[in-house]
Amino acid sequence: MSLDADRKKARDQRMDDLVKLTKSWSASTQAEYNARVKMLKALLAGRGVGQVAQTTVGAASQLVVDEVNDFLTG
């Protein structure tokens, strides 16, 4: 083999190694991001349920106050 062929073979091997490492890093990073997204979506869903319950309680309380006021003022 000539020197140029050896260099090309070594370069190709480095490129192949880089591609493998990049794909491995990408897969692990994607898995980490997917886990974060799942956790944050669950957190937001939980907050949404709490806000809906709080809004419902607030609306019910206001309705009771309005009804009592209407009854008392007749």
N, C-alpha and C. Protein backbone atom coordinates (compact mmCIF):
# COMPACT_ATOMS: atom_id res chain seq x y z
N MET A 1 0.83 -1.19 0.00
CA MET A 1 0.00 0.00 0.00
C MET A 1 0.87 1.24 0.00
N SER A 2 0.37 2.22 -0.66
CA SER A 2 1.11 3.47 -0.69
C SER A 2 0.75 4.29 0.55
N LEU A 3 1.51 5.33 0.76
CA LEU A 3 1.30 6.21 1.89
C LEU A 3 -0.07 6.90 1.80
N ASP A 4 -0.45 7.32 0.59
CA ASP A 4 -1.75 7.97 0.41
C ASP A 4 -2.90 7.01 0.71
N ALA A 5 -2.78 5.77 0.31
CA ALA A 5 -3.82 4.77 0.57
C ALA A 5 -3.94 4.51 2.07
N ASP A 6 -2.80 4.46 2.78
CA ASP A 6 -2.82 4.27 4.24
C ASP A 6 -3.49 5.46 4.93
N ARG A 7 -3.17 6.64 4.48
CA ARG A 7 -3.78 7.84 5.07
C ARG A 7 -5.29 7.86 4.83
N LYS A 8 -5.68 7.49 3.59
CA LYS A 8 -7.11 7.47 3.27
C LYS A 8 -7.83 6.43 4.12
N LYS A 9 -7.22 5.27 4.29
CA LYS A 9 -7.83 4.22 5.10
C LYS A 9 -7.97 4.67 6.56
N ALA A 10 -6.94 5.32 7.09
CA ALA A 10 -6.98 5.81 8.47
C ALA A 10 -8.03 6.91 8.62
N ARG A 11 -8.10 7.79 7.64
CA ARG A 11 -9.10 8.86 7.66
C ARG A 11 -10.51 8.29 7.60
N ASP A 12 -10.72 7.32 6.72
CA ASP A 12 -12.03 6.69 6.61
C ASP A 12 -12.43 6.01 7.92
N GLN A 13 -11.45 5.38 8.58
CA GLN A 13 -11.73 4.72 9.85
C GLN A 13 -12.12 5.76 10.91
N ARG A 14 -11.41 6.88 10.94
CA ARG A 14 -11.76 7.95 11.89
C ARG A 14 -13.15 8.50 11.62
N MET A 15 -13.48 8.66 10.34
CA MET A 15 -14.81 9.15 9.98
C MET A 15 -15.90 8.15 10.41
N ASP A 16 -15.63 6.86 10.18
CA ASP A 16 -16.59 5.84 10.62
C ASP A 16 -16.77 5.87 12.13
N ASP A 17 -15.68 6.01 12.86
CA ASP A 17 -15.74 6.08 14.33
C ASP A 17 -16.52 7.32 14.77
N LEU A 18 -16.31 8.44 14.08
CA LEU A 18 -17.01 9.66 14.41
C LEU A 18 -18.51 9.51 14.17
N VAL A 19 -18.88 8.87 13.07
CA VAL A 19 -20.29 8.64 12.77
C VAL A 19 -20.92 7.77 13.85
N LYS A 20 -20.24 6.70 14.25
CA LYS A 20 -20.76 5.81 15.29
C LYS A 20 -20.93 6.55 16.62
N LEU A 21 -19.94 7.33 16.99
CA LEU A 21 -20.02 8.08 18.24
C LEU A 21 -21.12 9.13 18.20
N THR A 22 -21.26 9.78 17.06
CA THR A 22 -22.30 10.80 16.92
C THR A 22 -23.68 10.18 17.02
N LYS A 23 -23.88 9.04 16.38
CA LYS A 23 -25.18 8.36 16.46
C LYS A 23 -25.46 7.89 17.88
N SER A 24 -24.45 7.39 18.56
CA SER A 24 -24.61 6.94 19.94
C SER A 24 -24.96 8.11 20.85
N TRP A 25 -24.23 9.21 20.70
CA TRP A 25 -24.50 10.41 21.51
C TRP A 25 -25.90 10.93 21.22
N SER A 26 -26.27 10.96 19.95
CA SER A 26 -27.59 11.47 19.56
C SER A 26 -28.70 10.62 20.17
N ALA A 27 -28.55 9.32 20.15
CA ALA A 27 -29.58 8.44 20.71
C ALA A 27 -29.71 8.63 22.21
N SER A 28 -28.59 8.73 22.91
CA SER A 28 -28.67 8.91 24.36
C SER A 28 -29.22 10.28 24.73
N THR A 29 -28.84 11.29 23.99
CA THR A 29 -29.35 12.64 24.25
C THR A 29 -30.84 12.70 23.94
N GLN A 30 -31.27 12.08 22.87
CA GLN A 30 -32.70 12.05 22.52
C GLN A 30 -33.49 11.35 23.61
N ALA A 31 -32.97 10.24 24.13
CA ALA A 31 -33.66 9.53 25.20
C ALA A 31 -33.78 10.40 26.45
N GLU A 32 -32.73 11.14 26.77
CA GLU A 32 -32.76 12.04 27.92
C GLU A 32 -33.80 13.14 27.72
N TYR A 33 -33.82 13.73 26.54
CA TYR A 33 -34.79 14.79 26.26
C TYR A 33 -36.22 14.25 26.28
N ASN A 34 -36.44 13.05 25.75
CA ASN A 34 -37.77 12.45 25.77
C ASN A 34 -38.24 12.24 27.21
N ALA A 35 -37.33 11.80 28.07
CA ALA A 35 -37.67 11.60 29.48
C ALA A 35 -38.02 12.93 30.14
N ARG A 36 -37.27 13.98 29.83
CA ARG A 36 -37.57 15.31 30.39
C ARG A 36 -38.92 15.82 29.91
N VAL A 37 -39.20 15.64 28.63
CA VAL A 37 -40.48 16.08 28.07
C VAL A 37 -41.63 15.35 28.75
N LYS A 38 -41.48 14.05 28.93
CA LYS A 38 -42.52 13.26 29.57
C LYS A 38 -42.77 13.75 30.99
N MET A 39 -41.70 14.01 31.74
CA MET A 39 -41.82 14.49 33.11
C MET A 39 -42.48 15.86 33.15
N LEU A 40 -42.07 16.77 32.27
CA LEU A 40 -42.63 18.12 32.26
C LEU A 40 -44.09 18.13 31.82
N LYS A 41 -44.45 17.27 30.89
CA LYS A 41 -45.85 17.17 30.48
C LYS A 41 -46.71 16.67 31.63
N ALA A 42 -46.19 15.70 32.38
CA ALA A 42 -46.93 15.21 33.55
C ALA A 42 -47.07 16.31 34.59
N LEU A 43 -46.02 17.08 34.77
CA LEU A 43 -46.06 18.18 35.73
C LEU A 43 -47.10 19.22 35.30
N LEU A 44 -47.10 19.58 34.04
CA LEU A 44 -48.07 20.55 33.55
C LEU A 44 -49.50 20.01 33.63
N ALA A 45 -49.67 18.75 33.33
CA ALA A 45 -51.00 18.16 33.42
C ALA A 45 -51.49 18.20 34.86
N GLY A 46 -50.61 17.93 35.81
CA GLY A 46 -50.98 17.99 37.22
C GLY A 46 -51.34 19.39 37.64
N ARG A 47 -50.60 20.36 37.17
CA ARG A 47 -50.90 21.77 37.49
C ARG A 47 -52.23 22.17 36.88
N GLY A 48 -52.51 21.70 35.70
CA GLY A 48 -53.76 22.04 35.04
C GLY A 48 -54.95 21.53 35.82
N VAL A 49 -54.86 20.32 36.32
CA VAL A 49 -55.96 19.76 37.10
C VAL A 49 -56.17 20.57 38.37
N GLY A 50 -55.10 20.97 39.02
CA GLY A 50 -55.20 21.78 40.23
C GLY A 50 -55.83 23.13 39.94
N GLN A 51 -55.46 23.73 38.82
CA GLN A 51 -56.01 25.03 38.46
C GLN A 51 -57.49 24.93 38.13
N VAL A 52 -57.89 23.86 37.46
CA VAL A 52 -59.30 23.67 37.14
C VAL A 52 -60.09 23.49 38.43
N ALA A 53 -59.58 22.70 39.36
CA ALA A 53 -60.27 22.50 40.64
C ALA A 53 -60.38 23.81 41.41
N GLN A 54 -59.30 24.57 41.42
CA GLN A 54 -59.30 25.85 42.13
C GLN A 54 -60.29 26.82 41.50
N THR A 55 -60.34 26.86 40.19
CA THR A 55 -61.28 27.73 39.49
C THR A 55 -62.72 27.31 39.78
N THR A 56 -62.97 26.01 39.80
CA THR A 56 -64.31 25.50 40.08
C THR A 56 -64.73 25.86 41.50
N VAL A 57 -63.85 25.70 42.46
CA VAL A 57 -64.16 26.05 43.85
C VAL A 57 -64.43 27.55 43.96
N GLY A 58 -63.60 28.35 43.30
CA GLY A 58 -63.80 29.80 43.33
C GLY A 58 -65.14 30.19 42.72
N ALA A 59 -65.48 29.59 41.60
CA ALA A 59 -66.76 29.90 40.95
C ALA A 59 -67.93 29.47 41.81
N ALA A 60 -67.83 28.30 42.42
CA ALA A 60 -68.91 27.82 43.30
C ALA A 60 -69.07 28.73 44.51
N SER A 61 -67.96 29.16 45.09
CA SER A 61 -68.03 30.07 46.24
C SER A 61 -68.69 31.38 45.85
N GLN A 62 -68.33 31.91 44.72
CA GLN A 62 -68.93 33.17 44.25
C GLN A 62 -70.42 33.00 43.99
N LEU A 63 -70.80 31.86 43.43
CA LEU A 63 -72.21 31.60 43.17
C LEU A 63 -73.00 31.57 44.48
N VAL A 64 -72.45 30.91 45.49
CA VAL A 64 -73.11 30.85 46.79
C VAL A 64 -73.26 32.25 47.37
N VAL A 65 -72.21 33.05 47.31
CA VAL A 65 -72.27 34.41 47.84
C VAL A 65 -73.33 35.22 47.09
N ASP A 66 -73.37 35.12 45.78
CA ASP A 66 -74.36 35.85 44.99
C ASP A 66 -75.77 35.39 45.32
N GLU A 67 -75.99 34.10 45.46
CA GLU A 67 -77.31 33.58 45.77
C GLU A 67 -77.78 34.02 47.15
N VAL A 68 -76.88 33.99 48.14
CA VAL A 68 -77.23 34.44 49.49
C VAL A 68 -77.55 35.92 49.48
N ASN A 69 -76.76 36.72 48.78
CA ASN A 69 -77.02 38.15 48.67
C ASN A 69 -78.38 38.41 48.02
N ASP A 70 -78.67 37.69 46.94
CA ASP A 70 -79.97 37.85 46.27
C ASP A 70 -81.12 37.48 47.21
N PHE A 71 -80.95 36.40 47.96
CA PHE A 71 -81.99 35.96 48.89
C PHE A 71 -82.21 36.99 50.00
N LEU A 72 -81.10 37.52 50.55
CA LEU A 72 -81.23 38.45 51.67
C LEU A 72 -81.77 39.80 51.22
N THR A 73 -81.43 40.21 50.02
CA THR A 73 -81.92 41.52 49.55
C THR A 73 -83.30 41.40 48.90
N GLY A 74 -83.71 40.20 48.65
CA GLY A 74 -85.01 39.82 48.20
C GLY A 74 -85.62 40.45 47.07
